[in-house]
Protein backbone atom coordinates (compact mmCIF):
# COMPACT_ATOMS: atom_id res chain seq x y z
CA MET A 1 -55.72 6.44 -247.41
CA GLU A 2 -57.23 4.23 -244.81
CA LYS A 3 -58.34 5.99 -242.06
CA PRO A 4 -57.17 5.42 -238.78
CA ALA A 5 -59.87 2.80 -235.91
CA LEU A 6 -61.05 5.01 -233.62
CA THR A 7 -63.69 3.67 -230.66
CA LEU A 8 -66.73 7.01 -229.82
CA TYR A 9 -67.98 5.86 -226.47
CA LEU A 10 -71.35 8.30 -226.13
CA ALA A 11 -72.04 9.21 -222.60
CA ALA A 12 -75.58 8.78 -221.07
CA PRO A 13 -77.19 11.06 -219.97
CA ARG A 14 -75.83 13.75 -221.57
CA GLY A 15 -77.16 16.68 -222.95
CA PHE A 16 -80.68 18.76 -222.43
CA CYS A 17 -82.19 18.42 -218.77
CA ALA A 18 -85.53 18.87 -218.23
CA GLY A 19 -85.15 22.43 -217.22
CA VAL A 20 -83.11 23.76 -219.86
CA ASP A 21 -85.63 22.05 -222.27
CA ARG A 22 -88.54 23.62 -220.71
CA ALA A 23 -86.83 27.34 -220.14
CA ILE A 24 -85.99 27.11 -224.14
CA LYS A 25 -90.07 26.10 -224.73
CA ILE A 26 -90.82 28.62 -222.64
CA VAL A 27 -89.49 31.46 -225.06
CA GLU A 28 -90.17 29.78 -228.10
CA MET A 29 -94.25 29.89 -226.25
CA ALA A 30 -93.66 33.70 -225.87
CA LEU A 31 -92.70 34.18 -229.06
CA ARG A 32 -95.45 32.28 -230.74
CA LYS A 33 -98.41 33.91 -228.60
CA TRP A 34 -97.36 37.81 -228.43
CA GLY A 35 -94.89 37.79 -231.06
CA ALA A 36 -91.28 39.44 -231.70
CA PRO A 37 -89.76 40.83 -229.83
CA VAL A 38 -89.93 38.92 -226.47
CA TYR A 39 -87.15 40.04 -224.45
CA VAL A 40 -84.71 37.46 -222.39
CA ARG A 41 -82.93 39.00 -219.29
CA HIS A 42 -79.66 37.18 -219.49
CA GLU A 43 -78.82 33.90 -221.78
CA ILE A 44 -81.59 31.86 -221.06
CA VAL A 45 -79.44 29.17 -221.03
CA HIS A 46 -75.29 28.88 -221.44
CA ASN A 47 -75.04 27.73 -224.71
CA LYS A 48 -74.03 29.74 -227.75
CA PHE A 49 -75.86 27.84 -230.83
CA VAL A 50 -79.48 28.10 -228.64
CA VAL A 51 -79.38 31.62 -228.36
CA ASP A 52 -78.30 32.38 -231.62
CA SER A 53 -81.29 30.25 -232.42
CA LEU A 54 -83.71 32.00 -230.27
CA ARG A 55 -82.12 35.35 -231.75
CA ASP A 56 -82.83 34.53 -234.93
CA GLN A 57 -86.44 33.58 -234.08
CA GLY A 58 -87.07 37.45 -232.41
CA ALA A 59 -85.63 37.02 -229.23
CA VAL A 60 -84.02 39.70 -227.57
CA PHE A 61 -81.15 39.17 -224.58
CA VAL A 62 -80.04 41.73 -222.38
CA GLU A 63 -78.51 42.01 -219.17
CA GLU A 64 -80.75 43.95 -217.12
CA LEU A 65 -84.47 44.95 -216.82
CA ASP A 66 -83.95 48.90 -217.76
CA GLU A 67 -82.57 47.56 -221.30
CA CYS A 68 -86.05 46.12 -222.14
CA PRO A 69 -89.21 48.63 -223.07
CA PRO A 70 -92.30 48.21 -220.70
CA ASP A 71 -94.85 47.46 -223.14
CA ARG A 72 -92.97 44.10 -224.15
CA PRO A 73 -92.87 40.51 -222.44
CA VAL A 74 -89.58 39.85 -220.40
CA ILE A 75 -88.51 36.16 -219.56
CA PHE A 76 -85.96 35.71 -216.54
CA SER A 77 -83.76 32.74 -217.34
CA ALA A 78 -83.29 29.07 -216.35
CA HIS A 79 -80.46 29.92 -213.87
CA GLY A 80 -83.38 31.90 -211.71
CA VAL A 81 -83.62 35.92 -210.21
CA PRO A 82 -82.62 37.98 -207.01
CA LYS A 83 -86.03 39.09 -205.65
CA SER A 84 -85.70 42.20 -206.64
CA VAL A 85 -85.95 41.44 -210.35
CA PRO A 86 -89.77 40.25 -210.58
CA ALA A 87 -89.93 43.50 -207.73
CA GLU A 88 -88.66 45.59 -210.60
CA ALA A 89 -90.80 44.15 -213.39
CA GLU A 90 -94.42 44.62 -211.59
CA ALA A 91 -93.20 47.65 -210.47
CA ARG A 92 -93.32 48.98 -214.18
CA GLU A 93 -96.20 46.90 -214.64
CA MET A 94 -94.22 44.70 -217.25
CA LEU A 95 -95.72 40.87 -218.17
CA TYR A 96 -92.81 38.56 -217.38
CA VAL A 97 -92.54 35.14 -217.45
CA ASP A 98 -89.92 33.14 -214.72
CA ALA A 99 -87.91 30.93 -216.86
CA THR A 100 -86.49 29.22 -213.34
CA CYS A 101 -85.53 25.40 -213.48
CA PRO A 102 -87.62 24.38 -210.84
CA LEU A 103 -85.08 22.41 -208.92
CA VAL A 104 -83.39 25.85 -208.81
CA SER A 105 -86.46 27.32 -207.36
CA LYS A 106 -86.73 24.44 -205.07
CA VAL A 107 -83.14 25.49 -203.06
CA HIS A 108 -84.73 29.14 -203.26
CA ILE A 109 -88.12 27.71 -201.54
CA GLU A 110 -85.69 25.97 -199.34
CA ALA A 111 -83.32 29.02 -198.47
CA GLU A 112 -86.49 30.98 -197.18
CA ARG A 113 -88.05 28.54 -195.08
CA HIS A 114 -84.83 28.44 -192.91
CA HIS A 115 -84.31 32.16 -192.96
CA GLU A 116 -88.04 32.08 -191.49
CA ASN A 117 -86.67 29.61 -188.77
CA GLY A 118 -83.91 32.12 -187.97
CA LEU A 119 -81.24 30.29 -189.66
CA GLN A 120 -78.21 31.89 -191.16
CA MET A 121 -76.97 30.36 -194.76
CA VAL A 122 -74.34 29.47 -195.94
CA MET A 123 -74.23 28.51 -199.92
CA ILE A 124 -71.91 26.24 -201.71
CA GLY A 125 -71.11 27.66 -205.24
CA HIS A 126 -69.87 30.11 -207.60
CA ALA A 127 -69.28 33.72 -207.52
CA GLY A 128 -70.39 35.78 -209.99
CA HIS A 129 -72.70 32.65 -211.65
CA PRO A 130 -75.80 33.69 -212.49
CA GLU A 131 -77.73 31.04 -210.02
CA THR A 132 -75.87 31.87 -206.73
CA VAL A 133 -76.46 35.55 -207.73
CA GLY A 134 -80.13 34.63 -207.90
CA THR A 135 -80.02 32.04 -204.64
CA MET A 136 -78.53 34.49 -202.80
CA GLY A 137 -80.71 37.02 -203.84
CA GLN A 138 -83.54 35.35 -202.27
CA LEU A 139 -82.79 36.75 -199.30
CA PRO A 140 -81.58 40.23 -197.36
CA ASP A 141 -77.83 41.12 -197.27
CA GLY A 142 -75.70 39.46 -195.00
CA GLU A 143 -78.04 36.24 -194.38
CA VAL A 144 -76.25 34.15 -196.69
CA LEU A 145 -72.55 33.44 -196.87
CA LEU A 146 -70.74 32.13 -199.89
CA VAL A 147 -68.12 29.36 -199.79
CA GLU A 148 -66.03 27.58 -202.72
CA THR A 149 -63.79 25.65 -201.37
CA PRO A 150 -63.13 23.58 -198.09
CA GLU A 151 -60.25 26.35 -197.18
CA ASP A 152 -63.16 28.82 -197.86
CA VAL A 153 -65.22 27.16 -194.41
CA ALA A 154 -62.37 28.36 -192.05
CA GLY A 155 -62.59 32.00 -192.83
CA LEU A 156 -66.15 32.27 -192.53
CA GLU A 157 -67.71 34.72 -189.42
CA VAL A 158 -71.00 33.88 -188.66
CA ARG A 159 -73.77 35.10 -186.49
CA ASP A 160 -74.52 31.98 -184.66
CA PRO A 161 -72.39 28.73 -185.17
CA SER A 162 -75.68 26.78 -183.62
CA ARG A 163 -77.95 28.38 -186.02
CA LEU A 164 -76.46 27.48 -189.66
CA ALA A 165 -77.59 25.88 -192.73
CA PHE A 166 -76.17 25.01 -195.79
CA ILE A 167 -77.64 25.30 -199.56
CA THR A 168 -75.80 24.62 -202.72
CA GLN A 169 -75.70 25.69 -206.65
CA THR A 170 -77.37 22.66 -208.86
CA THR A 171 -74.35 22.20 -210.94
CA LEU A 172 -71.66 21.61 -209.04
CA SER A 173 -69.30 18.76 -208.88
CA VAL A 174 -70.75 16.00 -206.81
CA ASP A 175 -67.05 15.00 -205.31
CA ASP A 176 -65.94 18.29 -204.96
CA THR A 177 -69.31 19.80 -203.11
CA ALA A 178 -69.18 16.42 -200.61
CA GLY A 179 -65.98 17.73 -199.39
CA ILE A 180 -67.12 21.21 -198.57
CA VAL A 181 -70.19 20.19 -196.72
CA ALA A 182 -67.55 17.90 -194.57
CA ALA A 183 -65.99 20.84 -193.78
CA LEU A 184 -68.78 22.73 -193.01
CA LYS A 185 -70.39 19.89 -190.56
CA ALA A 186 -66.56 19.86 -188.74
CA ARG A 187 -66.40 23.31 -187.99
CA PHE A 188 -70.23 23.72 -187.09
CA PRO A 189 -71.61 20.16 -186.78
CA ALA A 190 -75.05 21.77 -185.43
CA ILE A 191 -75.47 22.90 -189.39
CA VAL A 192 -78.69 21.96 -191.12
CA GLY A 193 -78.65 20.35 -194.24
CA PRO A 194 -81.16 20.26 -197.37
CA HIS A 195 -84.24 17.40 -197.02
CA LYS A 196 -82.49 16.02 -200.93
CA GLU A 197 -79.61 16.82 -202.43
CA ASP A 198 -79.36 20.31 -204.12
CA ILE A 199 -77.55 19.18 -206.87
CA CYS A 200 -79.64 18.57 -209.22
CA TYR A 201 -80.27 14.98 -211.12
CA ALA A 202 -78.95 15.87 -214.48
CA THR A 203 -75.92 17.20 -212.93
CA THR A 204 -75.46 13.81 -211.12
CA ASN A 205 -76.38 11.71 -213.80
CA ARG A 206 -73.65 13.30 -216.46
CA GLN A 207 -71.01 13.35 -213.61
CA SER A 208 -71.83 9.47 -212.94
CA ALA A 209 -71.66 8.75 -216.91
CA VAL A 210 -68.11 10.66 -217.07
CA LYS A 211 -67.13 8.11 -214.49
CA ALA A 212 -68.39 5.20 -216.68
CA ILE A 213 -66.36 5.76 -219.25
CA ALA A 214 -63.09 7.58 -217.98
CA GLY A 215 -61.30 4.24 -217.74
CA LYS A 216 -61.62 3.28 -221.54
CA ILE A 217 -60.99 6.21 -223.38
CA ASP A 218 -57.24 8.07 -224.11
CA ALA A 219 -59.60 11.67 -224.42
CA LEU A 220 -63.13 13.37 -223.45
CA LEU A 221 -64.70 15.89 -225.25
CA VAL A 222 -67.12 17.68 -223.35
CA ILE A 223 -69.82 19.96 -225.68
CA GLY A 224 -70.30 22.93 -223.79
CA ALA A 225 -70.14 26.23 -223.58
CA PRO A 226 -67.31 28.06 -221.15
CA ASN A 227 -69.79 29.80 -218.86
CA SER A 228 -71.80 26.71 -218.03
CA SER A 229 -70.87 25.41 -214.76
CA ASN A 230 -71.64 22.19 -215.64
CA SER A 231 -70.04 21.57 -218.76
CA ARG A 232 -67.21 22.83 -216.76
CA ARG A 233 -67.64 20.33 -214.09
CA LEU A 234 -67.58 17.35 -216.70
CA VAL A 235 -63.82 18.30 -217.98
CA GLU A 236 -62.79 18.69 -214.26
CA VAL A 237 -64.78 15.36 -213.47
CA GLY A 238 -63.16 13.61 -216.29
CA ARG A 239 -59.69 14.21 -215.72
CA ALA A 240 -60.16 13.70 -211.65
CA ALA A 241 -61.74 10.40 -212.90
CA GLY A 242 -58.48 9.56 -214.80
CA CYS A 243 -58.59 11.23 -218.41
CA ALA A 244 -55.95 13.23 -218.07
CA HIS A 245 -57.36 14.95 -221.56
CA SER A 246 -60.50 16.35 -221.08
CA GLN A 247 -61.74 19.35 -223.13
CA LEU A 248 -64.31 21.44 -223.48
CA VAL A 249 -65.56 22.24 -227.03
CA GLN A 250 -68.67 24.69 -227.86
CA ARG A 251 -68.69 22.92 -231.66
CA ALA A 252 -67.03 20.87 -234.08
CA ASP A 253 -64.63 23.43 -235.20
CA ASP A 254 -63.15 23.56 -231.50
CA ILE A 255 -61.67 20.41 -231.39
CA ASP A 256 -58.18 20.07 -230.67
CA TRP A 257 -57.01 17.47 -233.53
CA ARG A 258 -53.80 17.36 -232.89
CA ALA A 259 -54.01 16.47 -229.51
CA LEU A 260 -56.21 13.43 -230.42
CA GLU A 261 -53.03 12.36 -232.45
CA GLY A 262 -52.60 8.66 -231.18
CA ALA A 263 -56.08 7.79 -229.28
CA GLY A 264 -57.37 4.59 -229.94
CA ALA A 265 -60.74 5.10 -227.65
CA VAL A 266 -62.16 9.28 -227.16
CA GLY A 267 -65.45 10.00 -224.84
CA ILE A 268 -68.11 12.15 -225.84
CA THR A 269 -70.92 13.75 -223.54
CA ALA A 270 -72.75 17.05 -223.76
CA GLY A 271 -73.38 19.99 -220.56
CA ALA A 272 -77.46 19.95 -219.96
CA SER A 273 -77.80 23.35 -222.01
CA ALA A 274 -75.90 21.41 -224.97
CA PRO A 275 -77.97 20.32 -227.76
CA GLU A 276 -78.02 16.96 -229.12
CA VAL A 277 -76.99 18.51 -232.30
CA LEU A 278 -74.26 19.74 -231.43
CA VAL A 279 -73.44 15.75 -230.52
CA ASP A 280 -74.22 14.22 -233.58
CA GLU A 281 -71.57 17.62 -235.10
CA VAL A 282 -68.66 16.52 -233.37
CA VAL A 283 -69.83 12.28 -234.36
CA THR A 284 -69.93 13.51 -237.88
CA ALA A 285 -67.10 15.26 -237.63
CA PHE A 286 -65.05 12.03 -236.21
CA ARG A 287 -66.52 9.98 -238.89
CA ASP A 288 -64.94 12.07 -241.62
CA ARG A 289 -61.53 11.31 -240.41
CA PHE A 290 -61.35 8.12 -238.31
CA GLU A 291 -63.39 4.38 -238.66
CA VAL A 292 -65.13 5.23 -236.16
CA MET A 293 -66.54 2.35 -233.77
CA LEU A 294 -69.75 4.17 -231.61
CA GLU A 295 -70.59 2.36 -228.26
CA ARG A 296 -73.50 4.48 -225.92
CA VAL A 297 -72.95 3.59 -222.38
CA GLU A 298 -76.11 4.43 -220.45
CA THR A 299 -75.43 4.87 -216.64
CA ALA A 300 -79.15 6.09 -215.69
CA GLN A 301 -82.63 7.32 -217.75
CA GLU A 302 -84.06 10.36 -217.49
CA ASN A 303 -87.87 11.07 -217.79
CA VAL A 304 -88.54 13.82 -215.91
CA GLU A 305 -90.79 16.91 -217.54
CA PHE A 306 -91.54 20.59 -215.99
CA LYS A 307 -94.83 21.84 -217.19
CA VAL A 308 -94.47 25.90 -218.45
CA PRO A 309 -96.03 28.37 -216.94
CA ARG A 310 -100.08 28.72 -217.27
CA VAL A 311 -99.66 32.10 -219.11
CA LEU A 312 -98.87 30.25 -222.11
CA ARG A 313 -100.71 27.42 -221.96
CA GLU A 314 -103.37 29.70 -221.97
CA PRO A 315 -105.23 31.12 -225.19
CA ALA A 316 -104.12 35.06 -226.40
């Protein structure tokens, strides 16, 4: 029986960003340097395949420091942590390595600088997300107010409308964030924004690539974890750009094939914490069922690389 024809549009950039790549290397290098077990506070990145792979190598994932023995190294995830976490590690005389993405650290530094200048912060982000928790935890309670939607802006109670600044989570929808920023500027004309966009280059590039293929496809598959903010935003961007069937899948086994019946063109992308091996797995699953013509659509090239902390580059 002949396989039906299908065009797969492979979006680029996709998958690992420099911050994720660095965080995974940090865990792998720590295991080589100090041996197993190495403890990791929170998932190092939001991807089950990656976490399971590191666990198989000897990483132990915990939610809080009190689950870690004081005599083993602990690594903080790429999302960043509140200031109280390294302070607790130091109080317990623990060896720790901070794998916070440098672009998240940039937002932390920015928040501190505004705080030192007497400004109260408004953070655009998702409540409970580790990055939001970590960023808000850089400053004393009450100094960072969280908004998730333009509607939240109307209910903000600020100390002084003329002494405000805003920061954002790095993995948000570019378009949705623009609407919230507009609402903030309309209500607080004196509010100060970041010198450079807080939403990171990788988030922006992956969303732009999805927009570039959305008009060509009948369905979009985003490879990523359900707790991955940037992956979920890619699904939303696909829908907003006109591709009504945009689906988040962790692995090829998660694909809803019945929903793809009759499709002539499907787009594939991957969130910033999803490895390319999972993209290959999905493409292979399509080749098993369809006569596939593969087209790559590249909207930007990325050559960013972040160094790992010096402690991991020094001899043991």
